[in-house]
Structure formats: C-alpha cells, structure tokens
Amino acid sequence: MNWMKFILWLSVIYLAYYGAVLLWDFLRSGKLPPDEKSEIISFDEDAEPAQEISAPQPEIYDASVLSSGGVSLKQLFSLAREEAIEYIRPVSF
C-alpha cells in the first residue's frame, strides 16, 4: 500500500463517518418531543430590583504603595531587615 492509497482510504472512511453522523442528526432532529420544541425563554423588563446595593467606594492609594504590595518602600526595607518577609536576593541597604 502506498501513500496515495492510504490517504484515499482514510478520506473515504472520514467522509463516510461524518456523512453518517450528519444524516443521523438530520433524521433525529424531526423527532423531538413537543415540549422540547416549544421551549421559549422570556424576560420581564418592567421588574425592579428588590433591594439596591450600593458599591463600596474604592480606596485611593499613592502609586508607590500600590506597586510595593501595600507598604511604602521604607517599610519594605525595614521588613526585610527584620526578616519578616521572604526575599530571593539580598537587599543592599
């Protein structure tokens, strides 16, 4: 068996399989029970929310505090000296 025969047989098997799957799907689609065909979803647009929830105001921080994980740079170095945080490389003081 050469490559052309192999590809030809593979293509025929592929087309036959997916053709049978499509045919099965088309034949089955006409036989759905009546309650599944008429399933309609509707929304009531005039409804009001039961309770209004106010969103909390976001806290505004300085840019240096946000970039260092919630502490200032001076506090970060003091935490490193006290070995309260884990760091990978030594910090030069």
C-alpha atoms as a PDB file:
ATOM      1  CA  MET A   1       0.000   0.000   0.000  1.00  0.00           C
ATOM      2  CA  ASN A   2       1.476   3.346  -1.000  1.00  0.00           C
ATOM      3  CA  TRP A   3       0.758   6.753   0.487  1.00  0.00           C
ATOM      4  CA  MET A   4      -1.832   7.749  -2.122  1.00  0.00           C
ATOM      5  CA  LYS A   5      -3.927   4.632  -1.443  1.00  0.00           C
ATOM      6  CA  PHE A   6      -3.649   5.209   2.276  1.00  0.00           C
ATOM      7  CA  ILE A   7      -4.780   8.851   2.017  1.00  0.00           C
ATOM      8  CA  LEU A   8      -7.613   7.863  -0.345  1.00  0.00           C
ATOM      9  CA  TRP A   9      -8.912   5.163   2.025  1.00  0.00           C
ATOM     10  CA  LEU A  10      -8.568   7.476   5.010  1.00  0.00           C
ATOM     11  CA  SER A  11     -10.530  10.200   3.193  1.00  0.00           C
ATOM     12  CA  VAL A  12     -13.302   7.768   2.209  1.00  0.00           C
ATOM     13  CA  ILE A  13     -13.629   6.482   5.781  1.00  0.00           C
ATOM     14  CA  TYR A  14     -13.621  10.061   7.119  1.00  0.00           C
ATOM     15  CA  LEU A  15     -16.322  11.231   4.698  1.00  0.00           C
ATOM     16  CA  ALA A  16     -18.468   8.131   5.289  1.00  0.00           C
ATOM     17  CA  TYR A  17     -18.294   8.508   9.063  1.00  0.00           C
ATOM     18  CA  TYR A  18     -19.138  12.218   9.155  1.00  0.00           C
ATOM     19  CA  GLY A  19     -21.787  11.771   6.468  1.00  0.00           C
ATOM     20  CA  ALA A  20     -23.466   9.116   8.627  1.00  0.00           C
ATOM     21  CA  VAL A  21     -23.274  11.396  11.680  1.00  0.00           C
ATOM     22  CA  LEU A  22     -24.863  14.285   9.769  1.00  0.00           C
ATOM     23  CA  LEU A  23     -27.575  12.026   8.357  1.00  0.00           C
ATOM     24  CA  TRP A  24     -28.337  10.673  11.845  1.00  0.00           C
ATOM     25  CA  ASP A  25     -28.552  14.225  13.193  1.00  0.00           C
ATOM     26  CA  PHE A  26     -30.953  15.353  10.448  1.00  0.00           C
ATOM     27  CA  LEU A  27     -33.179  12.315  10.932  1.00  0.00           C
ATOM     28  CA  ARG A  28     -33.237  12.734  14.700  1.00  0.00           C
ATOM     29  CA  SER A  29     -33.957  16.494  14.650  1.00  0.00           C
ATOM     30  CA  GLY A  30     -37.506  15.982  13.312  1.00  0.00           C
ATOM     31  CA  LYS A  31     -38.467  13.581  16.128  1.00  0.00           C
ATOM     32  CA  LEU A  32     -38.103  15.860  19.170  1.00  0.00           C
ATOM     33  CA  PRO A  33     -40.880  15.719  21.764  1.00  0.00           C
ATOM     34  CA  PRO A  34     -43.371  18.636  21.540  1.00  0.00           C
ATOM     35  CA  ASP A  35     -42.409  20.059  24.943  1.00  0.00           C
ATOM     36  CA  GLU A  36     -38.756  20.467  23.866  1.00  0.00           C
ATOM     37  CA  LYS A  37     -39.638  22.189  20.584  1.00  0.00           C
ATOM     38  CA  SER A  38     -41.782  24.877  22.181  1.00  0.00           C
ATOM     39  CA  GLU A  39     -39.374  25.878  24.944  1.00  0.00           C
ATOM     40  CA  ILE A  40     -39.300  29.687  24.902  1.00  0.00           C
ATOM     41  CA  ILE A  41     -37.429  31.900  27.335  1.00  0.00           C
ATOM     42  CA  SER A  42     -38.936  35.303  28.112  1.00  0.00           C
ATOM     43  CA  PHE A  43     -37.830  38.151  30.367  1.00  0.00           C
ATOM     44  CA  ASP A  44     -39.923  40.684  32.247  1.00  0.00           C
ATOM     45  CA  GLU A  45     -38.358  44.087  31.522  1.00  0.00           C
ATOM     46  CA  ASP A  46     -40.588  46.090  33.900  1.00  0.00           C
ATOM     47  CA  ALA A  47     -39.345  44.387  37.044  1.00  0.00           C
ATOM     48  CA  GLU A  48     -37.456  46.495  39.586  1.00  0.00           C
ATOM     49  CA  PRO A  49     -34.725  45.178  41.873  1.00  0.00           C
ATOM     50  CA  ALA A  50     -35.880  44.119  45.326  1.00  0.00           C
ATOM     51  CA  GLN A  51     -33.058  45.946  47.105  1.00  0.00           C
ATOM     52  CA  GLU A  52     -30.464  48.378  45.867  1.00  0.00           C
ATOM     53  CA  ILE A  53     -26.925  47.521  46.818  1.00  0.00           C
ATOM     54  CA  SER A  54     -24.518  50.409  46.929  1.00  0.00           C
ATOM     55  CA  ALA A  55     -20.996  49.614  45.805  1.00  0.00           C
ATOM     56  CA  PRO A  56     -18.266  50.476  48.318  1.00  0.00           C
ATOM     57  CA  GLN A  57     -16.069  53.392  47.362  1.00  0.00           C
ATOM     58  CA  PRO A  58     -12.623  52.235  46.246  1.00  0.00           C
ATOM     59  CA  GLU A  59      -9.764  53.402  48.424  1.00  0.00           C
ATOM     60  CA  ILE A  60      -7.243  55.642  46.717  1.00  0.00           C
ATOM     61  CA  TYR A  61      -3.597  54.926  47.464  1.00  0.00           C
ATOM     62  CA  ASP A  62      -0.389  56.582  46.466  1.00  0.00           C
ATOM     63  CA  ALA A  63       1.244  54.961  43.395  1.00  0.00           C
ATOM     64  CA  SER A  64       4.267  53.848  45.418  1.00  0.00           C
ATOM     65  CA  VAL A  65       2.046  51.987  47.883  1.00  0.00           C
ATOM     66  CA  LEU A  66       0.215  50.131  45.113  1.00  0.00           C
ATOM     67  CA  SER A  67       3.391  48.990  43.386  1.00  0.00           C
ATOM     68  CA  SER A  68       5.023  47.659  46.549  1.00  0.00           C
ATOM     69  CA  GLY A  69       2.190  45.486  47.809  1.00  0.00           C
ATOM     70  CA  GLY A  70       0.596  47.830  50.353  1.00  0.00           C
ATOM     71  CA  VAL A  71       3.626  49.180  52.231  1.00  0.00           C
ATOM     72  CA  SER A  72       5.905  52.071  51.477  1.00  0.00           C
ATOM     73  CA  LEU A  73       9.432  51.450  50.243  1.00  0.00           C
ATOM     74  CA  LYS A  74      10.947  52.434  53.607  1.00  0.00           C
ATOM     75  CA  GLN A  75       8.657  49.969  55.404  1.00  0.00           C
ATOM     76  CA  LEU A  76       9.562  47.286  52.860  1.00  0.00           C
ATOM     77  CA  PHE A  77      13.280  47.638  53.654  1.00  0.00           C
ATOM     78  CA  SER A  78      12.599  47.583  57.388  1.00  0.00           C
ATOM     79  CA  LEU A  79      10.546  44.393  56.987  1.00  0.00           C
ATOM     80  CA  ALA A  80      13.424  42.856  55.007  1.00  0.00           C
ATOM     81  CA  ARG A  81      15.883  43.757  57.788  1.00  0.00           C
ATOM     82  CA  GLU A  82      13.616  42.176  60.397  1.00  0.00           C
ATOM     83  CA  GLU A  83      13.282  39.088  58.178  1.00  0.00           C
ATOM     84  CA  ALA A  84       9.500  39.447  58.321  1.00  0.00           C
ATOM     85  CA  ILE A  85       9.224  38.898  54.582  1.00  0.00           C
ATOM     86  CA  GLU A  86      10.839  36.323  52.343  1.00  0.00           C
ATOM     87  CA  TYR A  87      13.060  37.660  49.606  1.00  0.00           C
ATOM     88  CA  ILE A  88      15.077  35.886  46.951  1.00  0.00           C
ATOM     89  CA  ARG A  89      18.125  38.120  46.607  1.00  0.00           C
ATOM     90  CA  PRO A  90      19.872  40.091  49.349  1.00  0.00           C
ATOM     91  CA  VAL A  91      18.776  43.703  49.650  1.00  0.00           C
ATOM     92  CA  SER A  92      21.546  46.276  49.708  1.00  0.00           C
ATOM     93  CA  PHE A  93      20.833  48.834  52.470  1.00  0.00           C
END
